[in-house]
C-alpha cells in the first residue's frame, strides 16, 4: 500500500511539472512587407593616391634625399622633407617647384642621429599626402 502512495504521488508530480498533454494552438504567422536594407552612404574621394619616387641615403654625418620624379611629378607643387632625430629634434625643409634628379643634403655636426625621413607632397589641386616614410 505504501508503494501505491508513492506511485500516485510520482504521477501527480509528473503531471504537474509536465503540464497537460493537449496540443497547443498553432502560432499566428503574419507577413510584413519586405523593405530593402538601408546601406551606409558611399564614401567617395576625388583624389587618388599619388606616386612619387625618392632615394634616401645616409652616412655617419649626413642624410641625402634625392627626388627622382614619378608618375605624378607633373602635378607636384612642392614637398616638405622632415628628418626626425632619435633625440626628439628634427630638421625640416620645403622644396618648391622641385626638379627630378635633385639631391637635398641634411648635414650634421658630428655623428648623425637621424631615425626617420618623412616626405609630404602638396599637389596643384591642394591635395597633400605622405609620399615617403623611410626609417634609417
N, C-alpha and C. Protein backbone atom coordinates (compact mmCIF):
# COMPACT_ATOMS: atom_id res chain seq x y z
N UNK A 1 0.81 -1.18 0.00
CA UNK A 1 0.00 0.00 0.00
C UNK A 1 0.87 1.26 0.00
N UNK A 2 1.92 1.16 0.69
CA UNK A 2 2.82 2.28 0.76
C UNK A 2 3.40 2.56 -0.62
N UNK A 3 3.69 1.54 -1.39
CA UNK A 3 4.23 1.66 -2.72
C UNK A 3 3.23 2.34 -3.64
N UNK A 4 1.94 2.08 -3.46
CA UNK A 4 0.91 2.68 -4.29
C UNK A 4 0.87 4.19 -4.04
N UNK A 5 1.02 4.61 -2.80
CA UNK A 5 1.04 6.04 -2.47
C UNK A 5 2.19 6.75 -3.19
N UNK A 6 3.35 6.12 -3.20
CA UNK A 6 4.50 6.73 -3.84
C UNK A 6 4.31 6.83 -5.36
N UNK A 7 3.70 5.80 -5.93
CA UNK A 7 3.45 5.81 -7.36
C UNK A 7 2.44 6.90 -7.71
N UNK A 8 1.38 7.04 -6.91
CA UNK A 8 0.38 8.08 -7.15
C UNK A 8 1.00 9.47 -6.99
N UNK A 9 1.81 9.62 -5.96
CA UNK A 9 2.48 10.89 -5.74
C UNK A 9 3.41 11.23 -6.91
N UNK A 10 4.12 10.22 -7.42
CA UNK A 10 5.01 10.41 -8.56
C UNK A 10 4.23 10.84 -9.80
N UNK A 11 3.08 10.20 -10.04
CA UNK A 11 2.27 10.53 -11.21
C UNK A 11 1.72 11.95 -11.08
N UNK A 12 1.29 12.36 -9.90
CA UNK A 12 0.76 13.72 -9.69
C UNK A 12 1.87 14.75 -9.93
N UNK A 13 3.06 14.51 -9.40
CA UNK A 13 4.17 15.43 -9.57
C UNK A 13 4.56 15.49 -11.05
N UNK A 14 4.53 14.34 -11.74
CA UNK A 14 4.87 14.29 -13.15
C UNK A 14 3.87 15.09 -13.98
N UNK A 15 2.57 14.95 -13.68
CA UNK A 15 1.55 15.69 -14.43
C UNK A 15 1.67 17.19 -14.15
N UNK A 16 1.98 17.58 -12.94
CA UNK A 16 2.09 19.00 -12.60
C UNK A 16 3.30 19.63 -13.30
N UNK A 17 4.42 18.92 -13.28
CA UNK A 17 5.62 19.52 -13.88
C UNK A 17 5.59 19.48 -15.40
N UNK A 18 5.00 18.47 -15.99
CA UNK A 18 4.97 18.36 -17.44
C UNK A 18 3.79 19.10 -18.06
N UNK A 19 2.77 19.35 -17.34
CA UNK A 19 1.62 20.07 -17.87
C UNK A 19 0.66 19.13 -18.57
N UNK A 20 -0.29 19.71 -19.20
CA UNK A 20 -1.32 18.93 -19.89
C UNK A 20 -0.76 18.40 -21.20
N UNK A 21 -1.35 17.37 -21.69
CA UNK A 21 -0.90 16.79 -22.93
C UNK A 21 -1.78 17.19 -24.11
N UNK A 22 -2.53 18.29 -23.94
CA UNK A 22 -3.36 18.76 -25.03
C UNK A 22 -2.49 19.54 -26.02
N UNK A 23 -2.80 19.44 -27.33
CA UNK A 23 -1.99 20.18 -28.29
C UNK A 23 -2.19 21.68 -28.14
N UNK A 24 -1.12 22.41 -28.32
CA UNK A 24 -1.19 23.87 -28.22
C UNK A 24 -1.74 24.41 -29.53
N UNK A 25 -2.34 25.58 -29.45
CA UNK A 25 -2.86 26.20 -30.67
C UNK A 25 -1.67 26.68 -31.51
N UNK A 26 -1.74 26.50 -32.82
CA UNK A 26 -0.60 26.91 -33.64
C UNK A 26 -0.44 28.42 -33.60
N UNK A 27 0.79 28.91 -33.67
CA UNK A 27 1.01 30.36 -33.62
C UNK A 27 0.49 31.02 -34.90
N UNK A 28 0.08 32.24 -34.76
CA UNK A 28 -0.41 33.00 -35.89
C UNK A 28 0.79 33.67 -36.56
N UNK A 29 0.96 33.42 -37.85
CA UNK A 29 2.08 33.99 -38.59
C UNK A 29 1.56 35.11 -39.47
N UNK A 30 2.16 36.28 -39.28
CA UNK A 30 1.80 37.41 -40.14
C UNK A 30 3.01 37.78 -40.97
N UNK A 31 2.78 38.14 -42.18
CA UNK A 31 3.86 38.52 -43.07
C UNK A 31 3.91 40.03 -43.18
N UNK A 32 5.09 40.58 -42.90
CA UNK A 32 5.28 42.01 -43.02
C UNK A 32 5.85 42.31 -44.39
N UNK A 33 5.52 43.44 -44.96
CA UNK A 33 6.09 43.77 -46.27
C UNK A 33 7.60 43.91 -46.17
N UNK A 34 8.30 43.40 -47.15
CA UNK A 34 9.75 43.45 -47.17
C UNK A 34 10.23 44.82 -47.63
N UNK A 35 11.15 45.40 -46.89
CA UNK A 35 11.77 46.66 -47.29
C UNK A 35 13.25 46.39 -47.50
N UNK A 36 13.83 47.01 -48.49
CA UNK A 36 15.26 46.77 -48.71
C UNK A 36 16.07 47.30 -47.54
N UNK A 37 17.20 46.64 -47.24
CA UNK A 37 18.03 47.13 -46.13
C UNK A 37 18.62 48.50 -46.47
N UNK A 38 18.82 49.28 -45.43
CA UNK A 38 19.41 50.60 -45.61
C UNK A 38 20.93 50.45 -45.62
N UNK A 39 21.55 50.93 -46.66
CA UNK A 39 23.01 50.86 -46.77
C UNK A 39 23.63 52.16 -46.30
N UNK A 40 24.86 52.08 -45.74
CA UNK A 40 25.53 53.32 -45.36
C UNK A 40 25.87 54.11 -46.61
N UNK A 41 25.99 55.42 -46.49
CA UNK A 41 26.32 56.22 -47.67
C UNK A 41 27.70 55.85 -48.20
N UNK A 42 27.85 55.88 -49.48
CA UNK A 42 29.12 55.54 -50.11
C UNK A 42 30.12 56.67 -49.88
N UNK A 43 31.34 56.30 -49.60
CA UNK A 43 32.40 57.28 -49.40
C UNK A 43 33.14 57.42 -50.72
N UNK A 44 33.19 58.62 -51.21
CA UNK A 44 33.91 58.85 -52.46
C UNK A 44 34.99 59.89 -52.22
N UNK A 45 36.06 59.74 -52.91
CA UNK A 45 37.13 60.73 -52.84
C UNK A 45 37.44 61.19 -54.25
N UNK A 46 37.85 62.42 -54.36
CA UNK A 46 38.19 62.94 -55.68
C UNK A 46 39.67 62.80 -55.95
N UNK A 47 40.46 62.53 -54.92
CA UNK A 47 41.91 62.44 -55.09
C UNK A 47 42.35 60.99 -54.96
N UNK A 48 43.06 60.52 -55.95
CA UNK A 48 43.64 59.18 -55.88
C UNK A 48 45.00 59.28 -55.22
N UNK A 49 45.48 58.16 -54.75
CA UNK A 49 46.79 58.15 -54.11
C UNK A 49 47.86 58.54 -55.13
N UNK A 50 48.73 59.44 -54.74
CA UNK A 50 49.77 59.95 -55.63
C UNK A 50 51.03 59.11 -55.50
N UNK A 51 51.83 59.12 -56.55
CA UNK A 51 53.04 58.31 -56.56
C UNK A 51 54.23 59.15 -57.03
N UNK A 52 55.23 59.24 -56.16
CA UNK A 52 56.50 59.90 -56.47
C UNK A 52 57.62 58.96 -56.07
N UNK A 53 58.84 59.22 -56.57
CA UNK A 53 59.95 58.35 -56.29
C UNK A 53 61.09 59.15 -55.65
N UNK A 54 61.59 58.65 -54.51
CA UNK A 54 62.70 59.27 -53.79
C UNK A 54 63.72 58.20 -53.45
N UNK A 55 64.96 58.63 -53.30
CA UNK A 55 66.02 57.75 -52.80
C UNK A 55 66.63 58.43 -51.59
N UNK A 56 66.78 57.67 -50.50
CA UNK A 56 67.38 58.20 -49.27
C UNK A 56 68.64 57.41 -48.98
N UNK A 57 69.74 58.14 -48.77
CA UNK A 57 70.99 57.51 -48.34
C UNK A 57 71.47 58.26 -47.11
N UNK A 58 72.22 57.56 -46.28
CA UNK A 58 72.75 58.21 -45.07
C UNK A 58 74.16 57.74 -44.82
N UNK A 59 74.89 58.61 -44.16
CA UNK A 59 76.25 58.27 -43.72
C UNK A 59 76.33 58.67 -42.25
N UNK A 60 77.52 58.65 -41.70
CA UNK A 60 77.65 58.99 -40.27
C UNK A 60 77.42 60.46 -40.00
N UNK A 61 77.54 61.32 -41.03
CA UNK A 61 77.41 62.76 -40.79
C UNK A 61 76.32 63.44 -41.62
N UNK A 62 75.61 62.70 -42.50
CA UNK A 62 74.59 63.36 -43.30
C UNK A 62 73.52 62.39 -43.78
N UNK A 63 72.39 62.99 -44.17
CA UNK A 63 71.28 62.27 -44.80
C UNK A 63 71.04 62.96 -46.14
N UNK A 64 70.99 62.18 -47.22
CA UNK A 64 70.76 62.72 -48.56
C UNK A 64 69.42 62.20 -49.09
N UNK A 65 68.61 63.11 -49.61
CA UNK A 65 67.33 62.75 -50.20
C UNK A 65 67.36 63.19 -51.66
N UNK A 66 67.17 62.23 -52.57
CA UNK A 66 67.15 62.53 -54.00
C UNK A 66 65.73 62.35 -54.52
N UNK A 67 65.24 63.39 -55.19
CA UNK A 67 63.91 63.36 -55.81
C UNK A 67 64.08 62.85 -57.24
N UNK A 68 63.43 61.72 -57.56
CA UNK A 68 63.59 61.08 -58.86
C UNK A 68 62.38 61.28 -59.78
N UNK A 69 61.40 62.08 -59.39
CA UNK A 69 60.21 62.26 -60.22
C UNK A 69 59.18 61.19 -59.90
N UNK A 70 58.46 60.73 -60.89
CA UNK A 70 57.46 59.69 -60.70
C UNK A 70 56.22 59.99 -61.51
N UNK A 71 55.22 59.09 -61.47
CA UNK A 71 54.02 59.25 -62.29
C UNK A 71 53.25 60.54 -62.04
N UNK A 72 53.29 61.07 -60.83
CA UNK A 72 52.55 62.28 -60.52
C UNK A 72 53.44 63.51 -60.36
N UNK A 73 54.63 63.46 -60.93
CA UNK A 73 55.58 64.58 -60.81
C UNK A 73 55.05 65.86 -61.46
N UNK A 74 54.28 65.73 -62.52
CA UNK A 74 53.77 66.93 -63.22
C UNK A 74 52.79 67.72 -62.35
N UNK A 75 52.10 67.05 -61.43
CA UNK A 75 51.12 67.73 -60.56
C UNK A 75 51.71 68.19 -59.24
N UNK A 76 52.97 67.87 -58.96
CA UNK A 76 53.60 68.23 -57.69
C UNK A 76 53.94 69.71 -57.67
N UNK A 77 53.47 70.40 -56.63
CA UNK A 77 53.77 71.82 -56.47
C UNK A 77 55.00 71.99 -55.58
N UNK A 78 54.99 71.32 -54.44
CA UNK A 78 56.15 71.34 -53.55
C UNK A 78 56.07 70.15 -52.61
N UNK A 79 57.19 69.86 -51.95
CA UNK A 79 57.18 68.83 -50.92
C UNK A 79 58.02 69.30 -49.74
N UNK A 80 57.71 68.73 -48.58
CA UNK A 80 58.42 69.05 -47.35
C UNK A 80 59.13 67.80 -46.87
N UNK A 81 60.42 67.92 -46.65
CA UNK A 81 61.23 66.82 -46.12
C UNK A 81 61.43 67.08 -44.63
N UNK A 82 61.11 66.10 -43.82
CA UNK A 82 61.34 66.21 -42.38
C UNK A 82 62.18 65.02 -41.94
N UNK A 83 63.34 65.32 -41.36
CA UNK A 83 64.23 64.28 -40.84
C UNK A 83 64.11 64.31 -39.32
N UNK A 84 63.52 63.27 -38.75
CA UNK A 84 63.39 63.16 -37.30
C UNK A 84 64.64 62.51 -36.72
N UNK A 85 65.08 63.03 -35.57
CA UNK A 85 66.27 62.53 -34.89
C UNK A 85 65.88 61.72 -33.67
N UNK A 86 66.76 60.84 -33.27
CA UNK A 86 66.49 59.98 -32.10
C UNK A 86 66.34 60.80 -30.82
N UNK A 87 66.98 61.94 -30.74
CA UNK A 87 66.94 62.77 -29.53
C UNK A 87 65.64 63.56 -29.42
N UNK A 88 64.76 63.48 -30.44
CA UNK A 88 63.49 64.19 -30.38
C UNK A 88 63.44 65.45 -31.22
N UNK A 89 64.56 65.92 -31.70
CA UNK A 89 64.58 67.11 -32.55
C UNK A 89 64.34 66.68 -34.00
N UNK A 90 64.20 67.68 -34.88
CA UNK A 90 64.03 67.36 -36.30
C UNK A 90 64.55 68.51 -37.16
N UNK A 91 64.84 68.19 -38.40
CA UNK A 91 65.24 69.18 -39.41
C UNK A 91 64.19 69.11 -40.51
N UNK A 92 63.75 70.29 -40.99
CA UNK A 92 62.69 70.31 -42.00
C UNK A 92 63.04 71.30 -43.08
N UNK A 93 62.72 70.92 -44.32
CA UNK A 93 62.98 71.79 -45.46
C UNK A 93 61.85 71.62 -46.47
N UNK A 94 61.35 72.75 -47.01
CA UNK A 94 60.31 72.73 -48.03
C UNK A 94 60.94 73.06 -49.37
N UNK A 95 60.68 72.22 -50.37
CA UNK A 95 61.24 72.37 -51.71
C UNK A 95 60.10 72.76 -52.65
N UNK A 96 60.14 73.99 -53.16
CA UNK A 96 59.11 74.49 -54.07
C UNK A 96 59.55 74.25 -55.51
N UNK A 97 58.62 73.84 -56.36
CA UNK A 97 58.90 73.53 -57.78
C UNK A 97 60.12 72.61 -57.91
N UNK A 98 60.06 71.41 -57.31
CA UNK A 98 61.23 70.53 -57.33
C UNK A 98 61.54 70.01 -58.74
N UNK A 99 62.81 69.75 -58.97
CA UNK A 99 63.29 69.25 -60.26
C UNK A 99 63.75 67.81 -60.06
N UNK A 100 63.23 66.86 -60.86
CA UNK A 100 63.68 65.48 -60.73
C UNK A 100 65.20 65.38 -60.91
N UNK A 101 65.83 64.56 -60.10
CA UNK A 101 67.28 64.39 -60.13
C UNK A 101 68.00 65.22 -59.08
N UNK A 102 67.28 66.14 -58.42
CA UNK A 102 67.91 66.99 -57.40
C UNK A 102 68.09 66.23 -56.10
N UNK A 103 69.23 66.52 -55.43
CA UNK A 103 69.54 65.91 -54.14
C UNK A 103 69.56 66.99 -53.07
N UNK A 104 68.97 66.68 -51.92
CA UNK A 104 68.90 67.62 -50.78
C UNK A 104 69.65 66.98 -49.63
N UNK A 105 70.65 67.72 -49.09
CA UNK A 105 71.53 67.20 -48.05
C UNK A 105 71.16 67.77 -46.69
N UNK A 106 71.16 66.91 -45.69
CA UNK A 106 71.00 67.31 -44.29
C UNK A 106 72.29 66.91 -43.59
N UNK A 107 73.13 67.93 -43.29
CA UNK A 107 74.46 67.69 -42.73
C UNK A 107 74.40 67.88 -41.21
N UNK A 108 75.04 66.97 -40.49
CA UNK A 108 75.08 67.00 -39.03
C UNK A 108 76.47 67.39 -38.55
N UNK A 109 76.51 68.10 -37.45
CA UNK A 109 77.78 68.35 -36.77
C UNK A 109 78.05 67.10 -35.93
N UNK A 110 79.09 66.44 -36.23
CA UNK A 110 79.37 65.19 -35.52
C UNK A 110 78.58 64.04 -36.16
N UNK A 111 78.18 63.10 -35.32
CA UNK A 111 77.52 61.89 -35.80
C UNK A 111 76.01 62.13 -35.97
N UNK A 112 75.49 61.68 -37.09
CA UNK A 112 74.05 61.81 -37.37
C UNK A 112 73.26 60.91 -36.43
N UNK A 113 72.18 61.44 -35.87
CA UNK A 113 71.29 60.60 -35.06
C UNK A 113 69.90 60.52 -35.72
N UNK A 114 69.87 60.65 -37.04
CA UNK A 114 68.61 60.62 -37.78
C UNK A 114 67.98 59.24 -37.65
N UNK A 115 66.64 59.22 -37.49
CA UNK A 115 65.93 57.95 -37.35
C UNK A 115 64.87 57.75 -38.42
N UNK A 116 64.33 58.85 -38.98
CA UNK A 116 63.25 58.71 -39.94
C UNK A 116 63.21 59.90 -40.88
N UNK A 117 62.85 59.63 -42.15
CA UNK A 117 62.63 60.68 -43.14
C UNK A 117 61.17 60.59 -43.57
N UNK A 118 60.45 61.69 -43.42
CA UNK A 118 59.04 61.76 -43.79
C UNK A 118 58.90 62.86 -44.84
N UNK A 119 58.38 62.51 -46.02
CA UNK A 119 58.22 63.49 -47.09
C UNK A 119 56.74 63.61 -47.41
N UNK A 120 56.22 64.85 -47.32
CA UNK A 120 54.81 65.13 -47.61
C UNK A 120 54.77 65.98 -48.87
N UNK A 121 54.07 65.49 -49.89
CA UNK A 121 53.93 66.22 -51.14
C UNK A 121 52.63 67.02 -51.16
N UNK A 122 52.68 68.22 -51.73
CA UNK A 122 51.49 69.05 -51.93
C UNK A 122 51.35 69.24 -53.44
N UNK A 123 50.15 68.91 -53.94
CA UNK A 123 49.92 68.91 -55.38
C UNK A 123 49.12 70.14 -55.79
N UNK A 124 49.05 70.39 -57.10
CA UNK A 124 48.45 71.62 -57.63
C UNK A 124 47.00 71.80 -57.22
N UNK A 125 46.28 70.72 -56.97
CA UNK A 125 44.88 70.84 -56.54
C UNK A 125 44.75 71.01 -55.03
N UNK A 126 45.89 71.16 -54.32
CA UNK A 126 45.87 71.36 -52.87
C UNK A 126 45.93 70.07 -52.07
N UNK A 127 45.87 68.94 -52.73
CA UNK A 127 45.91 67.64 -52.08
C UNK A 127 47.29 67.41 -51.48
N UNK A 128 47.33 66.94 -50.21
CA UNK A 128 48.59 66.63 -49.53
C UNK A 128 48.61 65.15 -49.18
N UNK A 129 49.80 64.58 -49.29
CA UNK A 129 49.93 63.15 -48.99
C UNK A 129 51.36 62.86 -48.58
N UNK A 130 51.53 61.95 -47.63
CA UNK A 130 52.86 61.45 -47.32
C UNK A 130 53.27 60.56 -48.48
N UNK A 131 54.33 60.94 -49.16
CA UNK A 131 54.78 60.19 -50.33
C UNK A 131 55.97 59.28 -50.01
N UNK A 132 56.58 59.50 -48.85
CA UNK A 132 57.65 58.59 -48.41
C UNK A 132 57.78 58.65 -46.90
N UNK A 133 57.87 57.48 -46.29
CA UNK A 133 58.20 57.34 -44.88
C UNK A 133 59.34 56.31 -44.84
N UNK A 134 60.55 56.81 -44.54
CA UNK A 134 61.75 55.97 -44.62
C UNK A 134 62.43 55.95 -43.25
N UNK A 135 62.69 54.75 -42.74
CA UNK A 135 63.35 54.61 -41.43
C UNK A 135 64.82 54.30 -41.63
N UNK A 136 65.65 55.06 -40.93
CA UNK A 136 67.11 54.90 -41.04
C UNK A 136 67.63 53.96 -39.96
